[in-house]
Structure formats: C-alpha cells, structure tokens
Amino acid sequence: MTAPVSIPSTTQSVNAVSVSHSPKSSSLLHDRLAQRHDTASDFQPKVLHPIENDGLKLLLLENISQEAVKAFRAEGFDVDHSTKSMSENELLEKIGQYHAIGIRSKTKITARVIKAATKLLVIGCFCIGTNQVDLNTAARAGIPVFNSPFSNSRSVAELVMSELVALSRQLFERTYELRTGLWNKQSKGCWEIRGKTLGIVGYGHIGSQLSVLAEAFGMRVLFHDILNIMPLGSARQVESLDALLSQADFVTLHVPETPETIQMISTPQLKLMKRGAYLINNARGKVLDIPAVIQALQSGHLAGTAIDVFPVEPGSNGSPFDDQLNPWAATLRNIPNVILTPHIGGSTEEAQRMIGEEVSQALSRYLGYGSTLGAVNFPEVDLRVISTEEGDRVRLCHVHRNQPGVLKQVNEALSPYNVEKQFSDSKGDIAYLMADIADVSRQDFNNLKDRISSTDANIITRFLA
C-alpha cells in the first residue's frame, strides 16, 4: 500500500468550495454535536472540499436574497444571479454547466431540465412549496431538493390578518375612490372582525400561526386538516371541509398543491359557504376555481375575496396580468371588494433573509458535508463533522438505487480501510450512504472510486476531503 496522501484543508484555490461552521442556532445533528464538543474541548470542525468538482457553479434565479448570494460567494462558489425566472427552454440551454440551482416559485425544474442537467448535484427552493420541481425525477437522478418550510410563515399569516380587516371594511374600495377624488364615507356592509368565525383550511405552520393572531383579534377559529392536530388556543378542528365552509364567515386556504387539492374550492364548495362570507387564498393558484369564485362574487353570494396566487403568473415584474395570461383576469380586476396581490405572501425583508439563510445553509451542507437533513425528496442522512485533529479523512457520499446487495458491495470495497463512521437510509427507490474513511492514499482513492461507481446500483458517488 502506498503512503497516505495528505490533502490540504487550510488552503484552497479561489474556485474551490469551502463550508464555514454553521451558526450556533442550527438544529442539525452535526452542528449540535460540534457545539457540544466545542464547549468541552475546543473542537474545530474540518472544512471539507469535493475532491473532483473544482469550481462548483451555482445558478440563483428570481431575485433570491443578496445575503444568500454573498454567503455562497464567501464560501468559494462561482455564482450567477438573476432577478428573473427562466423558461424551460432557457434552462435547457444553460443548466448543463451548473452544479447547483436556487429558485423560487416561478421557475419550473421539469424532467427535461433534470435530464439536461448533467452536472447538477442539488436544487434549492427558496420558498415553502416544491411543486415547481419534478421531485421524483430529481431523486432518481440523485439530486436532493431543499426548501424553507418555516421561514415565511409569519409573513403570510400577517398578510391574511390585514386582508381580513381590509375585506370586512371594504378598505380597498374606499381607498381607490378617494384616490380618484370621490369622498364616500359609509358603514353599510362594513364589519368588525371581532366575534366572527375564521375557517382555516390547512393547519400547518401558517395556519396555526394565523390561528393565534385571529384569536387575539377576538375571532372564533375553526380549522380543517387531513391530520388530527392539537389546536393552539381555543381553535377547534372540524371533521370535514363542508362543515368548516358552512360555519365560517371568513375562509382562508393554506394547503399545498397536490392532485387532491387542485380546485378544492369550486362551485359546490362555494354554495356551502354563508351568503356574505369572504374567501382568501394565499396558498397555491390551482387550489381555487377562480371562474367559480367570479360567479359567486357577481351573484353577491361572496362579499369579497383576496387572492395572492394564480394558476398562471407573469414571469417577471412589469409583465401584464391580463386575459392572455388568465382568460378571466380583466373580469376579476373589475369586481368590487376584490384584493389582488402579486404573490407577495412571503415577500418581506425578514422572510426573504431567513429563507436565504436556511436554504443556502442546506445547499452548502450538502455540497460540503454530504448532509441531506431537511431534503424533501431524499433519505435524510448525516454524520458528525470531522475535527481538524482527526487528520486526513475521506468522506464517501454514495447515492444509489435501493436494491438488495448494495451495502455488501460497498462494504467489501471499504474493507481494507478503517471506516470510522457510516450511516445509510432509503426513501422509496433511492438510498443514500455516508462513510468516513481513514488512511486512503491517492492511488487507493482512485481504485475505491472506480469500484464503488461501477456498481450496477450507482447513481452519484462523491468524495469529500
């Protein structure tokens, strides 16, 4: 056996990736362990670098937080940043040169895009939803997808509270009238929200926060969810969507877009709502049948609506929101007591900063340490960080198809070496293994890489050192 290779960890070219120690507030396993050791014995995590992927390139679209851009560049990434989304054809032309991509809700990562992304290692959704990504195709290609499920919850909840008041007081109508020079002081059809019933469809991170805020305003809160959830405060879960719709004065939607939720509110559901009730959608554009809502508004069955998300949305600021985009747009714009906003539920400085921090850290942890904790389409696997005192170590990150015999093949390949840590898990058809190996020479590394990568179950095999 040749002498162990010494791989520098303190100096690196400007294009190499370095991963800084995660903030103390992080709840990931390797961070908590690092904190514990740091307190006890001046533990210093070793910075790992991909052995074979010099000059990792990252594409950030849709005006993702500049703080995230700065953080990536500080860690050595070559970052291309754009304020706009990209179409599928634009992505097909460009995606082949990038190892990671960060998007928000407008850019669609389709199966065709993933097939063209021959270097892509990871996808970051700088938002709550991930329905803009073909998650199954990404997983089969060995690409984990990370999002930010918590960071904009408060921003959306506060927007809903403002919409409740604005709708019940016809605030947008009075504001528009006065801007056009018309003084129209009136109280007819204007209500306090105190004492009214709010129906929340989907009692997740946003719905539960909204529940607390609404009760502070003196509202009675009902919610419906497919899971049995312990309510906060005095909120009460009802047994069905129909039961919620028939009792609520205000209905607000907070569900993901799935086959079960697409057009979950249409003509039959609207007929169940109280005459004079209000409907709010800050969830996903396709969960609401907007032509049916238009009919309910025109008939007077609904007293008002607030909509922040639409089935088809413009690709960039300044683009028209008209009938060419959605055939009912002009009609909806001209109905009284309708609040239309351009998908701004999570668009606050605080939310975008937190989303940028959370998702950028997740991408850096995967590229630099191999951790998949928090991935939405992938097995969640992590190992504690390697300390600087442990000397030369190589970390194996092996994505493979979940089939019998893989661990036997991998462990046979690793058997000549001291495997200090190893952890694997699977999710559906995809499995992921991480292992830290000591005393691997350069010649041994090449042989080890060839042996593991050549197994019939291999998808992506990376080595970090």
Protein backbone atom coordinates (compact mmCIF):
# COMPACT_ATOMS: atom_id res chain seq x y z
CA MET A 1 0.00 0.00 0.00
CA THR A 2 1.31 3.46 -0.85
CA ALA A 3 1.75 6.14 1.76
CA PRO A 4 -1.39 8.01 2.78
CA VAL A 5 -2.00 11.14 0.72
CA SER A 6 -2.08 14.46 2.53
CA ILE A 7 -4.95 16.60 1.27
CA PRO A 8 -4.62 20.24 2.38
CA SER A 9 -7.60 21.63 4.22
CA THR A 10 -6.41 25.13 5.13
CA THR A 11 -5.63 26.49 1.66
CA GLN A 12 -7.75 26.27 -1.44
CA SER A 13 -7.99 27.90 -4.83
CA VAL A 14 -10.46 30.69 -5.31
CA ASN A 15 -12.82 28.38 -7.21
CA ALA A 16 -12.89 25.64 -4.59
CA VAL A 17 -15.78 25.20 -2.22
CA SER A 18 -15.33 25.83 1.48
CA VAL A 19 -18.02 25.39 4.06
CA SER A 20 -17.96 27.51 7.17
CA HIS A 21 -19.12 26.31 10.56
CA SER A 22 -22.91 26.53 10.74
CA PRO A 23 -24.47 29.09 13.10
CA LYS A 24 -25.00 28.13 16.73
CA SER A 25 -28.74 28.32 16.23
CA SER A 26 -28.75 25.45 13.74
CA SER A 27 -30.54 22.32 14.87
CA LEU A 28 -28.80 19.87 12.55
CA LEU A 29 -27.15 16.86 14.11
CA HIS A 30 -23.56 17.62 13.13
CA ASP A 31 -23.95 21.22 14.32
CA ARG A 32 -25.31 20.18 17.71
CA LEU A 33 -22.51 17.67 18.15
CA ALA A 34 -19.95 20.25 17.08
CA GLN A 35 -21.31 22.71 19.63
CA ARG A 36 -21.15 20.09 22.36
CA HIS A 37 -17.53 19.19 21.55
CA ASP A 38 -16.56 22.82 21.09
CA THR A 39 -17.69 23.64 24.59
CA ALA A 40 -15.88 20.68 26.09
CA SER A 41 -12.55 20.57 24.26
CA ASP A 42 -12.09 23.40 21.71
CA PHE A 43 -13.46 21.16 18.95
CA GLN A 44 -12.80 22.62 15.48
CA PRO A 45 -14.66 21.13 12.51
CA LYS A 46 -12.55 20.35 9.49
CA VAL A 47 -13.58 22.11 6.30
CA LEU A 48 -14.25 19.52 3.58
CA HIS A 49 -13.93 20.07 -0.17
CA PRO A 50 -15.19 18.00 -3.11
CA ILE A 51 -12.17 16.14 -4.46
CA GLU A 52 -13.31 16.02 -8.09
CA ASN A 53 -15.56 19.07 -8.57
CA ASP A 54 -13.31 22.12 -8.65
CA GLY A 55 -15.07 25.38 -9.44
CA LEU A 56 -18.57 24.41 -8.42
CA LYS A 57 -21.02 26.73 -10.17
CA LEU A 58 -24.34 27.86 -8.72
CA LEU A 59 -27.26 29.50 -10.54
CA LEU A 60 -29.63 31.66 -8.46
CA LEU A 61 -32.82 32.93 -10.10
CA GLU A 62 -35.88 35.05 -9.21
CA ASN A 63 -34.13 37.71 -7.14
CA ILE A 64 -33.08 35.42 -4.30
CA SER A 65 -31.76 37.30 -1.26
CA GLN A 66 -28.45 39.09 -1.81
CA GLU A 67 -27.39 37.81 1.59
CA ALA A 68 -27.58 34.28 0.21
CA VAL A 69 -25.56 35.34 -2.84
CA LYS A 70 -22.88 36.86 -0.61
CA ALA A 71 -22.80 33.77 1.61
CA PHE A 72 -22.27 31.44 -1.36
CA ARG A 73 -19.53 33.59 -2.82
CA ALA A 74 -17.82 33.84 0.56
CA GLU A 75 -17.71 30.03 0.62
CA GLY A 76 -15.99 29.89 -2.77
CA PHE A 77 -18.90 29.27 -5.13
CA ASP A 78 -18.91 30.70 -8.63
CA VAL A 79 -22.41 32.29 -8.53
CA ASP A 80 -24.55 33.56 -11.40
CA HIS A 81 -27.52 35.58 -10.09
CA SER A 82 -30.61 36.82 -11.93
CA THR A 83 -33.67 38.74 -10.76
CA LYS A 84 -35.85 36.90 -13.30
CA SER A 85 -37.11 33.36 -13.70
CA MET A 86 -36.12 31.17 -16.64
CA SER A 87 -38.31 29.27 -19.05
CA GLU A 88 -37.79 25.58 -19.69
CA ASN A 89 -36.00 26.31 -22.97
CA GLU A 90 -33.69 28.82 -21.30
CA LEU A 91 -32.84 26.29 -18.60
CA LEU A 92 -32.23 23.56 -21.18
CA GLU A 93 -29.65 25.82 -22.79
CA LYS A 94 -27.83 26.82 -19.59
CA ILE A 95 -28.34 24.21 -16.86
CA GLY A 96 -25.66 21.82 -18.09
CA GLN A 97 -22.84 23.99 -16.72
CA TYR A 98 -24.16 24.25 -13.14
CA HIS A 99 -23.70 22.01 -10.10
CA ALA A 100 -26.48 23.65 -8.05
CA ILE A 101 -29.51 25.84 -8.70
CA GLY A 102 -31.63 28.03 -6.44
CA ILE A 103 -35.14 29.07 -7.49
CA ARG A 104 -38.36 30.42 -6.04
CA SER A 105 -41.85 29.57 -7.31
CA LYS A 106 -41.89 30.64 -10.97
CA THR A 107 -39.01 28.62 -12.41
CA LYS A 108 -40.03 25.05 -13.26
CA ILE A 109 -37.46 22.26 -12.92
CA THR A 110 -39.04 19.66 -15.21
CA ALA A 111 -37.92 16.16 -16.14
CA ARG A 112 -36.44 17.56 -19.37
CA VAL A 113 -34.42 20.12 -17.42
CA ILE A 114 -33.14 17.49 -14.99
CA LYS A 115 -32.11 15.23 -17.88
CA ALA A 116 -30.11 18.12 -19.38
CA ALA A 117 -28.51 18.98 -16.02
CA THR A 118 -25.62 16.56 -16.35
CA LYS A 119 -23.55 18.22 -13.58
CA LEU A 120 -26.39 19.10 -11.21
CA LEU A 121 -25.97 17.90 -7.62
CA VAL A 122 -28.63 19.77 -5.64
CA ILE A 123 -31.70 22.02 -6.00
CA GLY A 124 -32.73 24.72 -3.53
CA CYS A 125 -36.30 26.09 -3.44
CA PHE A 126 -36.08 29.45 -1.67
CA CYS A 127 -39.74 29.26 -0.64
CA ILE A 128 -42.18 26.88 1.07
CA GLY A 129 -43.52 24.98 -1.93
CA THR A 130 -41.67 22.44 -4.07
CA ASN A 131 -44.36 21.62 -6.63
CA GLN A 132 -42.35 23.58 -9.23
CA VAL A 133 -39.78 20.77 -9.19
CA ASP A 134 -40.26 17.24 -10.53
CA LEU A 135 -39.25 15.70 -7.20
CA ASN A 136 -39.37 12.06 -8.29
CA THR A 137 -37.22 12.63 -11.36
CA ALA A 138 -34.75 14.64 -9.30
CA ALA A 139 -34.50 11.85 -6.72
CA ARG A 140 -33.93 9.21 -9.39
CA ALA A 141 -31.12 11.39 -10.76
CA GLY A 142 -29.54 11.53 -7.29
CA ILE A 143 -30.44 15.20 -6.73
CA PRO A 144 -31.83 16.18 -3.31
CA VAL A 145 -34.24 19.13 -3.13
CA PHE A 146 -34.27 21.52 -0.15
CA ASN A 147 -36.84 24.17 0.73
CA SER A 148 -37.70 26.52 3.58
CA PRO A 149 -40.91 25.25 5.20
CA PHE A 150 -40.97 27.68 8.14
CA SER A 151 -39.29 30.97 7.33
CA ASN A 152 -42.13 32.95 5.75
CA SER A 153 -44.97 31.58 7.90
CA ARG A 154 -45.31 34.76 9.94
CA SER A 155 -45.26 36.98 6.85
CA VAL A 156 -48.14 35.09 5.24
CA ALA A 157 -50.13 34.97 8.49
CA GLU A 158 -49.82 38.73 8.93
CA LEU A 159 -50.89 39.33 5.33
CA VAL A 160 -54.04 37.28 5.93
CA MET A 161 -54.86 39.29 9.04
CA SER A 162 -54.55 42.51 7.06
CA GLU A 163 -56.80 41.07 4.34
CA LEU A 164 -59.45 40.08 6.88
CA VAL A 165 -59.72 43.68 8.06
CA ALA A 166 -59.42 45.20 4.58
CA LEU A 167 -62.19 43.00 3.14
CA SER A 168 -64.58 43.43 6.05
CA ARG A 169 -64.17 47.25 5.94
CA GLN A 170 -64.13 47.49 2.11
CA LEU A 171 -60.83 49.28 2.61
CA PHE A 172 -59.52 48.93 -0.93
CA GLU A 173 -62.77 50.31 -2.40
CA ARG A 174 -62.75 53.39 -0.17
CA THR A 175 -59.03 53.98 -0.84
CA TYR A 176 -59.49 53.75 -4.60
CA GLU A 177 -62.49 56.08 -4.52
CA LEU A 178 -60.62 58.73 -2.56
CA ARG A 179 -57.59 58.47 -4.84
CA THR A 180 -59.90 59.26 -7.75
CA GLY A 181 -61.31 62.26 -5.88
CA LEU A 182 -64.54 60.73 -4.56
CA TRP A 183 -65.46 61.13 -0.88
CA ASN A 184 -67.68 58.16 0.05
CA LYS A 185 -67.92 57.72 3.81
CA GLN A 186 -70.23 54.81 4.62
CA SER A 187 -70.72 51.95 7.07
CA LYS A 188 -73.15 49.76 5.14
CA GLY A 189 -71.64 46.32 4.56
CA CYS A 190 -68.61 47.11 6.72
CA TRP A 191 -67.96 44.93 9.73
CA GLU A 192 -65.61 44.35 12.64
CA ILE A 193 -63.85 41.01 12.55
CA ARG A 194 -64.23 40.62 16.33
CA GLY A 195 -66.74 37.88 17.10
CA LYS A 196 -66.68 36.48 13.55
CA THR A 197 -65.69 32.92 12.66
CA LEU A 198 -62.49 32.27 10.75
CA GLY A 199 -62.22 28.93 8.94
CA ILE A 200 -58.63 27.83 8.25
CA VAL A 201 -58.14 25.10 5.64
CA GLY A 202 -54.76 23.54 6.41
CA TYR A 203 -53.46 23.89 9.97
CA GLY A 204 -49.73 23.75 9.29
CA HIS A 205 -47.04 26.32 10.05
CA ILE A 206 -49.00 29.23 8.57
CA GLY A 207 -52.47 28.12 9.61
CA SER A 208 -51.51 27.59 13.23
CA GLN A 209 -49.77 30.99 13.50
CA LEU A 210 -52.76 32.63 11.88
CA SER A 211 -55.00 30.91 14.42
CA VAL A 212 -53.21 32.62 17.31
CA LEU A 213 -53.30 36.05 15.66
CA ALA A 214 -57.01 35.74 14.82
CA GLU A 215 -57.92 34.82 18.40
CA ALA A 216 -56.02 37.88 19.59
CA PHE A 217 -58.45 39.90 17.43
CA GLY A 218 -61.38 38.22 19.18
CA MET A 219 -62.27 35.81 16.38
CA ARG A 220 -63.62 32.28 16.76
CA VAL A 221 -61.33 29.88 14.91
CA LEU A 222 -62.24 26.61 13.22
CA PHE A 223 -59.84 24.58 11.12
CA HIS A 224 -59.85 21.55 8.86
CA ASP A 225 -56.83 19.38 8.15
CA ILE A 226 -56.35 15.83 6.83
CA LEU A 227 -54.40 15.07 10.03
CA ASN A 228 -55.65 15.20 13.59
CA ILE A 229 -53.76 18.15 15.06
CA MET A 230 -53.74 19.56 18.56
CA PRO A 231 -55.12 23.11 18.23
CA LEU A 232 -53.50 26.22 19.64
CA GLY A 233 -55.52 28.41 21.98
CA SER A 234 -59.27 27.89 21.66
CA ALA A 235 -59.26 26.85 17.99
CA ARG A 236 -61.34 23.78 17.16
CA GLN A 237 -60.83 21.18 14.44
CA VAL A 238 -63.92 20.23 12.45
CA GLU A 239 -64.49 16.86 10.87
CA SER A 240 -64.84 17.94 7.24
CA LEU A 241 -64.25 20.76 4.79
CA ASP A 242 -68.01 21.03 4.25
CA ALA A 243 -68.58 21.57 7.97
CA LEU A 244 -65.99 24.36 8.03
CA LEU A 245 -67.38 26.11 4.94
CA SER A 246 -70.92 26.15 6.30
CA GLN A 247 -69.92 27.79 9.60
CA ALA A 248 -67.19 30.29 8.68
CA ASP A 249 -67.59 33.99 7.98
CA PHE A 250 -64.08 34.06 6.51
CA VAL A 251 -62.37 31.10 4.81
CA THR A 252 -58.63 31.12 4.21
CA LEU A 253 -56.66 28.42 2.34
CA HIS A 254 -53.22 27.15 3.42
CA VAL A 255 -52.66 23.85 1.61
CA PRO A 256 -50.01 22.61 -0.84
CA GLU A 257 -50.80 21.93 -4.47
CA THR A 258 -51.44 18.21 -4.84
CA PRO A 259 -53.82 16.19 -7.06
CA GLU A 260 -56.23 16.18 -4.11
CA THR A 261 -56.19 19.96 -3.56
CA ILE A 262 -56.38 21.22 -7.14
CA GLN A 263 -59.69 23.17 -7.41
CA MET A 264 -60.68 22.00 -3.95
CA ILE A 265 -62.83 25.15 -3.75
CA SER A 266 -65.21 25.24 -6.70
CA THR A 267 -68.93 25.78 -7.28
CA PRO A 268 -70.23 23.05 -4.89
CA GLN A 269 -67.99 24.26 -2.06
CA LEU A 270 -68.82 27.93 -2.64
CA LYS A 271 -72.53 27.14 -2.41
CA LEU A 272 -71.91 25.70 1.07
CA MET A 273 -70.41 28.97 2.30
CA LYS A 274 -72.58 31.54 4.06
CA ARG A 275 -74.07 34.25 1.91
CA GLY A 276 -71.93 37.33 2.53
CA ALA A 277 -68.84 35.32 3.54
CA TYR A 278 -65.30 36.13 2.40
CA LEU A 279 -62.69 33.87 0.77
CA ILE A 280 -58.89 34.27 0.92
CA ASN A 281 -56.27 32.27 -1.00
CA ASN A 282 -52.57 32.70 -0.25
CA ALA A 283 -51.73 29.03 -0.85
CA ARG A 284 -51.35 27.89 -4.48
CA GLY A 285 -53.09 29.24 -7.57
CA LYS A 286 -54.65 25.98 -8.70
CA VAL A 287 -56.43 25.13 -5.44
CA LEU A 288 -59.10 27.71 -6.26
CA ASP A 289 -61.55 27.59 -9.18
CA ILE A 290 -61.39 31.31 -9.94
CA PRO A 291 -64.17 31.40 -12.60
CA ALA A 292 -66.48 29.85 -9.98
CA VAL A 293 -65.36 32.49 -7.47
CA ILE A 294 -66.15 35.22 -10.02
CA GLN A 295 -69.68 33.87 -10.38
CA ALA A 296 -70.12 33.79 -6.59
CA LEU A 297 -68.93 37.40 -6.33
CA GLN A 298 -71.13 38.63 -9.17
CA SER A 299 -74.21 36.94 -7.66
CA GLY A 300 -73.49 38.50 -4.27
CA HIS A 301 -73.05 35.13 -2.56
CA LEU A 302 -69.48 36.10 -1.66
CA ALA A 303 -68.97 39.58 -0.20
CA GLY A 304 -65.33 39.74 -1.21
CA THR A 305 -62.15 37.84 -1.88
CA ALA A 306 -58.38 38.26 -1.57
CA ILE A 307 -56.14 36.30 -3.92
CA ASP A 308 -52.34 36.34 -3.87
CA VAL A 309 -51.60 33.31 -6.09
CA PHE A 310 -52.86 32.42 -9.55
CA PRO A 311 -52.87 29.39 -11.88
CA VAL A 312 -50.60 31.22 -14.32
CA GLU A 313 -48.43 34.11 -13.15
CA PRO A 314 -46.22 36.59 -15.05
CA GLY A 315 -42.58 35.63 -15.33
CA SER A 316 -41.18 38.95 -14.14
CA ASN A 317 -42.10 42.33 -12.66
CA GLY A 318 -43.61 44.73 -15.16
CA SER A 319 -45.29 41.99 -17.18
CA PRO A 320 -49.05 42.34 -17.73
CA PHE A 321 -51.65 40.49 -15.69
CA ASP A 322 -54.32 40.22 -18.36
CA ASP A 323 -56.63 37.89 -20.26
CA GLN A 324 -53.79 36.49 -22.34
CA LEU A 325 -52.32 35.10 -19.12
CA ASN A 326 -55.61 34.03 -17.50
CA PRO A 327 -58.82 34.45 -19.53
CA TRP A 328 -60.80 35.80 -16.56
CA ALA A 329 -58.22 38.38 -15.37
CA ALA A 330 -59.96 41.54 -16.62
CA THR A 331 -63.33 40.45 -15.20
CA LEU A 332 -61.83 39.69 -11.80
CA ARG A 333 -59.98 43.03 -11.70
CA ASN A 334 -63.24 44.95 -12.12
CA ILE A 335 -65.33 43.29 -9.38
CA PRO A 336 -65.77 45.36 -6.19
CA ASN A 337 -64.13 44.33 -2.92
CA VAL A 338 -61.54 42.09 -4.55
CA ILE A 339 -57.95 42.32 -3.31
CA LEU A 340 -55.40 41.07 -5.85
CA THR A 341 -51.73 40.92 -4.90
CA PRO A 342 -48.76 39.63 -6.98
CA HIS A 343 -47.74 36.58 -4.94
CA ILE A 344 -46.28 38.63 -2.06
CA GLY A 345 -47.30 36.39 0.86
CA GLY A 346 -43.69 35.74 1.83
CA SER A 347 -42.26 38.95 0.41
CA THR A 348 -40.95 40.68 3.49
CA GLU A 349 -37.36 41.59 4.25
CA GLU A 350 -37.41 39.33 7.30
CA ALA A 351 -38.82 36.32 5.49
CA GLN A 352 -36.53 36.57 2.48
CA ARG A 353 -33.48 36.96 4.72
CA MET A 354 -34.42 33.87 6.76
CA ILE A 355 -35.26 31.85 3.65
CA GLY A 356 -31.94 32.83 2.10
CA GLU A 357 -30.06 31.76 5.21
CA GLU A 358 -31.92 28.47 5.66
CA VAL A 359 -31.75 27.20 2.09
CA SER A 360 -28.23 28.42 1.38
CA GLN A 361 -27.00 26.64 4.51
CA ALA A 362 -28.77 23.44 3.42
CA LEU A 363 -27.14 23.56 -0.03
CA SER A 364 -23.71 24.28 1.48
CA ARG A 365 -24.07 21.45 3.99
CA TYR A 366 -24.90 19.00 1.22
CA LEU A 367 -22.16 20.10 -1.16
CA GLY A 368 -19.54 20.43 1.58
CA TYR A 369 -20.51 17.79 4.14
CA GLY A 370 -22.97 15.50 2.35
CA SER A 371 -25.81 16.13 4.83
CA THR A 372 -29.33 15.64 3.44
CA LEU A 373 -31.24 16.56 6.60
CA GLY A 374 -34.27 18.57 5.52
CA ALA A 375 -34.39 17.24 1.93
CA VAL A 376 -37.98 16.80 0.75
CA ASN A 377 -37.40 14.02 -1.80
CA PHE A 378 -34.42 12.18 -0.38
CA PRO A 379 -33.32 9.97 2.53
CA GLU A 380 -32.21 12.16 5.44
CA VAL A 381 -28.65 11.16 6.31
CA ASP A 382 -25.96 12.98 8.30
CA LEU A 383 -22.66 12.30 10.08
CA ARG A 384 -20.97 14.40 12.71
CA VAL A 385 -18.27 16.70 11.37
CA ILE A 386 -14.68 15.60 11.16
CA SER A 387 -12.42 17.51 13.54
CA THR A 388 -9.14 19.05 12.45
CA GLU A 389 -7.39 16.82 14.99
CA GLU A 390 -8.51 13.66 13.19
CA GLY A 391 -6.07 14.20 10.35
CA ASP A 392 -6.68 13.08 6.79
CA ARG A 393 -10.09 11.61 6.26
CA VAL A 394 -12.15 10.98 3.15
CA ARG A 395 -15.95 11.16 3.28
CA LEU A 396 -17.88 8.94 0.87
CA CYS A 397 -21.31 10.17 -0.28
CA HIS A 398 -22.96 7.40 -2.30
CA VAL A 399 -26.41 7.81 -3.86
CA HIS A 400 -27.73 4.56 -5.26
CA ARG A 401 -30.84 2.68 -6.19
CA ASN A 402 -32.49 0.94 -3.26
CA GLN A 403 -31.92 -2.71 -4.15
CA PRO A 404 -30.51 -5.79 -2.40
CA GLY A 405 -26.76 -6.30 -2.19
CA VAL A 406 -25.56 -2.70 -2.42
CA LEU A 407 -24.26 -2.44 1.15
CA LYS A 408 -22.42 -5.71 0.74
CA GLN A 409 -20.66 -4.41 -2.38
CA VAL A 410 -19.79 -1.09 -0.77
CA ASN A 411 -18.53 -2.65 2.46
CA GLU A 412 -16.39 -5.12 0.51
CA ALA A 413 -14.81 -2.16 -1.28
CA LEU A 414 -14.21 -0.41 2.05
CA SER A 415 -12.97 -3.48 3.90
CA PRO A 416 -9.21 -2.70 3.53
CA TYR A 417 -9.70 0.64 5.32
CA ASN A 418 -10.67 1.88 8.74
CA VAL A 419 -14.30 3.03 8.38
CA GLU A 420 -14.77 5.33 11.33
CA LYS A 421 -18.41 6.30 10.76
CA GLN A 422 -21.10 5.04 8.43
CA PHE A 423 -24.81 5.72 8.05
CA SER A 424 -27.31 4.88 5.32
CA ASP A 425 -31.03 5.25 4.78
CA SER A 426 -33.53 4.87 1.96
CA LYS A 427 -36.65 6.62 0.73
CA GLY A 428 -38.65 4.80 -1.89
CA ASP A 429 -36.38 3.75 -4.75
CA ILE A 430 -33.44 5.88 -3.61
CA ALA A 431 -30.86 5.10 -0.93
CA TYR A 432 -28.01 7.22 0.40
CA LEU A 433 -24.88 6.16 2.28
CA MET A 434 -22.25 8.29 4.00
CA ALA A 435 -18.99 6.94 5.40
CA ASP A 436 -15.80 8.50 6.82
CA ILE A 437 -12.68 6.57 5.91
CA ALA A 438 -9.15 6.94 7.31
CA ASP A 439 -5.77 6.48 5.63
CA VAL A 440 -6.77 6.44 1.97
CA SER A 441 -3.87 7.10 -0.38
CA ARG A 442 -4.29 8.81 -3.75
CA GLN A 443 -3.89 5.51 -5.60
CA ASP A 444 -6.31 3.82 -3.19
CA PHE A 445 -8.79 6.63 -3.65
CA ASN A 446 -8.86 6.19 -7.43
CA ASN A 447 -9.35 2.45 -7.09
CA LEU A 448 -12.05 2.92 -4.45
CA LYS A 449 -13.91 5.45 -6.56
CA ASP A 450 -13.83 3.21 -9.62
CA ARG A 451 -15.02 0.19 -7.66
CA ILE A 452 -17.99 1.90 -5.99
CA SER A 453 -19.01 3.94 -9.02
CA SER A 454 -19.06 0.85 -11.22
CA THR A 455 -21.69 -0.99 -9.14
CA ASP A 456 -24.95 -1.52 -11.02
CA ALA A 457 -26.96 0.45 -8.43
CA ASN A 458 -24.74 3.56 -8.53
CA ILE A 459 -26.35 6.94 -9.28
CA ILE A 460 -23.89 9.51 -7.92
CA THR A 461 -20.74 8.90 -5.88
CA ARG A 462 -18.82 11.84 -4.42
CA PHE A 463 -15.74 12.03 -2.21
CA LEU A 464 -15.06 14.93 0.16
CA ALA A 465 -11.71 15.55 1.84
